[in-house]
């Protein structure tokens, strides 16, 4: 994760926490939560007024990302090359 982004988000969270009088949740913990939910930090904080619908394509992408997370470096490179050829 980019250190500059961590610093900016951390500063913003700190400011919001002070405004609301809330306890501090570290950015690294938020990152862990987002990873376990298989979303990025932006998605973790995105508010949707209606039910969140995941398309089948988005679901497939999440499955692929999960497989890549468990793969070794060589398999990831092979998968990247295959995708380049297909797309």
N, C-alpha and C. Protein backbone atom coordinates (compact mmCIF):
# COMPACT_ATOMS: atom_id res chain seq x y z
N UNK A 1 0.84 -1.17 0.00
CA UNK A 1 0.00 0.00 0.00
C UNK A 1 0.88 1.24 0.00
N UNK A 2 0.55 2.23 -0.80
CA UNK A 2 1.35 3.45 -0.93
C UNK A 2 1.35 4.22 0.40
N UNK A 3 2.54 4.57 0.89
CA UNK A 3 2.66 5.24 2.18
C UNK A 3 1.99 6.60 2.18
N UNK A 4 2.01 7.29 1.05
CA UNK A 4 1.37 8.61 0.96
C UNK A 4 -0.14 8.48 1.14
N UNK A 5 -0.72 7.47 0.51
CA UNK A 5 -2.16 7.22 0.65
C UNK A 5 -2.48 6.87 2.09
N UNK A 6 -1.65 6.00 2.70
CA UNK A 6 -1.87 5.63 4.11
C UNK A 6 -1.88 6.89 4.99
N UNK A 7 -0.94 7.77 4.74
CA UNK A 7 -0.84 8.99 5.55
C UNK A 7 -2.07 9.88 5.36
N UNK A 8 -2.49 10.07 4.10
CA UNK A 8 -3.65 10.92 3.82
C UNK A 8 -4.93 10.35 4.42
N UNK A 9 -5.13 9.06 4.24
CA UNK A 9 -6.34 8.43 4.78
C UNK A 9 -6.30 8.45 6.31
N UNK A 10 -5.13 8.17 6.87
CA UNK A 10 -4.99 8.21 8.32
C UNK A 10 -5.29 9.58 8.89
N UNK A 11 -4.82 10.61 8.23
CA UNK A 11 -5.09 11.98 8.67
C UNK A 11 -6.58 12.28 8.62
N UNK A 12 -7.22 11.84 7.55
CA UNK A 12 -8.67 12.09 7.41
C UNK A 12 -9.47 11.33 8.46
N UNK A 13 -9.10 10.09 8.70
CA UNK A 13 -9.79 9.29 9.72
C UNK A 13 -9.61 9.93 11.10
N UNK A 14 -8.40 10.38 11.37
CA UNK A 14 -8.12 11.04 12.65
C UNK A 14 -8.99 12.27 12.83
N UNK A 15 -9.11 13.07 11.78
CA UNK A 15 -9.93 14.29 11.85
C UNK A 15 -11.41 13.93 12.08
N UNK A 16 -11.89 12.93 11.38
CA UNK A 16 -13.29 12.50 11.56
C UNK A 16 -13.52 11.97 12.96
N UNK A 17 -12.55 11.21 13.45
CA UNK A 17 -12.66 10.64 14.79
C UNK A 17 -12.75 11.74 15.83
N UNK A 18 -11.94 12.77 15.68
CA UNK A 18 -11.96 13.88 16.63
C UNK A 18 -13.29 14.61 16.59
N UNK A 19 -13.83 14.79 15.38
CA UNK A 19 -15.13 15.47 15.23
C UNK A 19 -16.23 14.69 15.92
N UNK A 20 -16.17 13.39 15.82
CA UNK A 20 -17.24 12.55 16.34
C UNK A 20 -16.95 12.00 17.74
N UNK A 21 -15.74 12.21 18.23
CA UNK A 21 -15.38 11.70 19.54
C UNK A 21 -15.27 10.18 19.56
N UNK A 22 -14.93 9.59 18.44
CA UNK A 22 -14.87 8.14 18.35
C UNK A 22 -13.48 7.63 18.64
N UNK A 23 -13.39 6.33 18.95
CA UNK A 23 -12.11 5.69 19.17
C UNK A 23 -11.38 5.52 17.85
N UNK A 24 -10.06 5.42 17.94
CA UNK A 24 -9.21 5.28 16.76
C UNK A 24 -9.21 3.85 16.25
N UNK A 25 -9.46 3.69 14.97
CA UNK A 25 -9.31 2.40 14.30
C UNK A 25 -8.15 2.59 13.33
N UNK A 26 -7.10 1.81 13.49
CA UNK A 26 -5.93 2.03 12.65
C UNK A 26 -6.23 1.70 11.20
N UNK A 27 -5.53 2.39 10.32
CA UNK A 27 -5.70 2.18 8.89
C UNK A 27 -5.31 0.76 8.51
N UNK A 28 -4.29 0.24 9.17
CA UNK A 28 -3.89 -1.14 8.87
C UNK A 28 -5.00 -2.12 9.24
N UNK A 29 -5.71 -1.87 10.34
CA UNK A 29 -6.84 -2.74 10.70
C UNK A 29 -7.96 -2.62 9.67
N UNK A 30 -8.21 -1.39 9.20
CA UNK A 30 -9.22 -1.19 8.16
C UNK A 30 -8.83 -1.92 6.89
N UNK A 31 -7.54 -1.90 6.56
CA UNK A 31 -7.04 -2.60 5.38
C UNK A 31 -7.26 -4.11 5.54
N UNK A 32 -7.00 -4.63 6.74
CA UNK A 32 -7.22 -6.06 7.00
C UNK A 32 -8.71 -6.42 6.87
N UNK A 33 -9.57 -5.55 7.38
CA UNK A 33 -11.01 -5.78 7.27
C UNK A 33 -11.43 -5.81 5.80
N UNK A 34 -10.95 -4.83 5.04
CA UNK A 34 -11.29 -4.76 3.61
C UNK A 34 -10.79 -6.00 2.89
N UNK A 35 -9.57 -6.44 3.18
CA UNK A 35 -9.04 -7.65 2.54
C UNK A 35 -9.87 -8.87 2.87
N UNK A 36 -10.28 -9.00 4.13
CA UNK A 36 -11.07 -10.17 4.50
C UNK A 36 -12.45 -10.15 3.85
N UNK A 37 -12.95 -8.96 3.56
CA UNK A 37 -14.23 -8.83 2.86
C UNK A 37 -14.05 -8.87 1.34
N UNK A 38 -12.78 -8.93 0.91
CA UNK A 38 -12.42 -8.95 -0.51
C UNK A 38 -12.93 -7.71 -1.25
N UNK A 39 -12.74 -6.55 -0.59
CA UNK A 39 -13.04 -5.26 -1.20
C UNK A 39 -11.84 -4.35 -0.96
N UNK A 40 -11.79 -3.23 -1.69
CA UNK A 40 -10.73 -2.27 -1.40
C UNK A 40 -11.23 -1.24 -0.40
N UNK A 41 -10.33 -0.37 0.06
CA UNK A 41 -10.73 0.60 1.09
C UNK A 41 -11.83 1.54 0.62
N UNK A 42 -11.79 1.92 -0.64
CA UNK A 42 -12.84 2.80 -1.17
C UNK A 42 -14.20 2.10 -1.08
N UNK A 43 -14.25 0.85 -1.47
CA UNK A 43 -15.50 0.09 -1.41
C UNK A 43 -15.96 -0.09 0.03
N UNK A 44 -15.00 -0.24 0.96
CA UNK A 44 -15.35 -0.42 2.37
C UNK A 44 -16.12 0.79 2.89
N UNK A 45 -15.74 1.99 2.43
CA UNK A 45 -16.38 3.20 2.91
C UNK A 45 -17.48 3.73 2.00
N UNK A 46 -17.67 3.09 0.86
CA UNK A 46 -18.70 3.55 -0.08
C UNK A 46 -20.08 3.25 0.51
N UNK A 47 -20.92 4.25 0.50
CA UNK A 47 -22.28 4.10 1.00
C UNK A 47 -23.23 3.93 -0.17
N UNK A 48 -24.05 2.93 -0.07
CA UNK A 48 -25.05 2.71 -1.10
C UNK A 48 -26.41 2.70 -0.41
N UNK A 49 -27.30 3.52 -0.89
CA UNK A 49 -28.62 3.62 -0.28
C UNK A 49 -29.50 2.42 -0.60
N UNK A 50 -29.14 1.70 -1.61
CA UNK A 50 -29.91 0.52 -1.98
C UNK A 50 -29.05 -0.72 -1.82
N UNK A 51 -29.70 -1.87 -1.92
CA UNK A 51 -28.96 -3.12 -1.77
C UNK A 51 -27.85 -3.22 -2.79
N UNK A 52 -26.71 -3.71 -2.34
CA UNK A 52 -25.55 -3.86 -3.22
C UNK A 52 -25.72 -5.13 -4.02
N UNK A 53 -25.76 -4.97 -5.33
CA UNK A 53 -25.92 -6.11 -6.22
C UNK A 53 -24.59 -6.39 -6.89
N UNK A 54 -24.12 -7.61 -6.77
CA UNK A 54 -22.87 -8.01 -7.41
C UNK A 54 -23.23 -8.74 -8.69
N UNK A 55 -22.72 -8.23 -9.80
CA UNK A 55 -22.98 -8.89 -11.07
C UNK A 55 -22.19 -10.19 -11.13
N UNK A 56 -22.56 -11.06 -12.05
CA UNK A 56 -21.83 -12.32 -12.16
C UNK A 56 -20.40 -12.07 -12.60
N UNK A 57 -20.18 -11.03 -13.42
CA UNK A 57 -18.82 -10.69 -13.84
C UNK A 57 -17.99 -10.25 -12.64
N UNK A 58 -18.57 -9.41 -11.76
CA UNK A 58 -17.86 -8.97 -10.57
C UNK A 58 -17.55 -10.15 -9.65
N UNK A 59 -18.49 -11.06 -9.55
CA UNK A 59 -18.28 -12.26 -8.74
C UNK A 59 -17.15 -13.10 -9.31
N UNK A 60 -17.11 -13.24 -10.64
CA UNK A 60 -16.03 -13.99 -11.29
C UNK A 60 -14.68 -13.33 -11.05
N UNK A 61 -14.65 -12.00 -11.11
CA UNK A 61 -13.41 -11.27 -10.87
C UNK A 61 -12.93 -11.49 -9.44
N UNK A 62 -13.86 -11.45 -8.49
CA UNK A 62 -13.50 -11.71 -7.09
C UNK A 62 -12.94 -13.12 -6.93
N UNK A 63 -13.52 -14.09 -7.61
CA UNK A 63 -13.01 -15.47 -7.56
C UNK A 63 -11.59 -15.54 -8.12
N UNK A 64 -11.36 -14.86 -9.25
CA UNK A 64 -10.03 -14.87 -9.87
C UNK A 64 -9.02 -14.23 -8.94
N UNK A 65 -9.36 -13.10 -8.35
CA UNK A 65 -8.46 -12.42 -7.42
C UNK A 65 -8.13 -13.33 -6.24
N UNK A 66 -9.13 -14.02 -5.73
CA UNK A 66 -8.89 -14.96 -4.63
C UNK A 66 -7.92 -16.06 -5.02
N UNK A 67 -8.07 -16.59 -6.24
CA UNK A 67 -7.15 -17.63 -6.71
C UNK A 67 -5.73 -17.07 -6.85
N UNK A 68 -5.63 -15.84 -7.36
CA UNK A 68 -4.31 -15.24 -7.55
C UNK A 68 -3.62 -14.96 -6.21
N UNK A 69 -4.40 -14.60 -5.21
CA UNK A 69 -3.82 -14.35 -3.88
C UNK A 69 -3.16 -15.61 -3.32
N UNK A 70 -3.73 -16.76 -3.64
CA UNK A 70 -3.21 -18.02 -3.11
C UNK A 70 -2.10 -18.62 -3.99
N UNK A 71 -1.86 -18.04 -5.16
CA UNK A 71 -0.90 -18.61 -6.12
C UNK A 71 0.51 -18.10 -5.84
N UNK A 72 1.48 -18.87 -6.32
CA UNK A 72 2.87 -18.43 -6.21
C UNK A 72 3.18 -17.45 -7.35
N UNK A 73 4.35 -16.84 -7.28
CA UNK A 73 4.73 -15.79 -8.24
C UNK A 73 4.72 -16.31 -9.68
N UNK A 74 5.23 -17.49 -9.88
CA UNK A 74 5.29 -18.04 -11.24
C UNK A 74 3.89 -18.25 -11.82
N UNK A 75 2.98 -18.79 -11.03
CA UNK A 75 1.61 -19.00 -11.52
C UNK A 75 0.91 -17.68 -11.81
N UNK A 76 1.22 -16.67 -11.03
CA UNK A 76 0.64 -15.34 -11.26
C UNK A 76 1.14 -14.79 -12.60
N UNK A 77 2.42 -14.96 -12.89
CA UNK A 77 2.97 -14.50 -14.17
C UNK A 77 2.33 -15.23 -15.34
N UNK A 78 2.14 -16.54 -15.20
CA UNK A 78 1.50 -17.32 -16.26
C UNK A 78 0.07 -16.82 -16.47
N UNK A 79 -0.66 -16.61 -15.37
CA UNK A 79 -2.04 -16.13 -15.47
C UNK A 79 -2.09 -14.76 -16.16
N UNK A 80 -1.14 -13.90 -15.83
CA UNK A 80 -1.09 -12.57 -16.45
C UNK A 80 -0.88 -12.69 -17.95
N UNK A 81 0.05 -13.56 -18.37
CA UNK A 81 0.31 -13.75 -19.79
C UNK A 81 -0.90 -14.32 -20.52
N UNK A 82 -1.58 -15.25 -19.89
CA UNK A 82 -2.79 -15.84 -20.49
C UNK A 82 -3.86 -14.75 -20.68
N UNK A 83 -4.04 -13.93 -19.64
CA UNK A 83 -5.04 -12.85 -19.74
C UNK A 83 -4.67 -11.85 -20.83
N UNK A 84 -3.39 -11.54 -20.96
CA UNK A 84 -2.96 -10.62 -22.01
C UNK A 84 -3.34 -11.17 -23.39
N UNK A 85 -3.13 -12.47 -23.58
CA UNK A 85 -3.46 -13.08 -24.86
C UNK A 85 -4.96 -13.12 -25.12
N UNK A 86 -5.74 -13.37 -24.06
CA UNK A 86 -7.19 -13.47 -24.22
C UNK A 86 -7.85 -12.10 -24.42
N UNK A 87 -7.32 -11.10 -23.76
CA UNK A 87 -7.95 -9.79 -23.80
C UNK A 87 -7.27 -8.91 -24.82
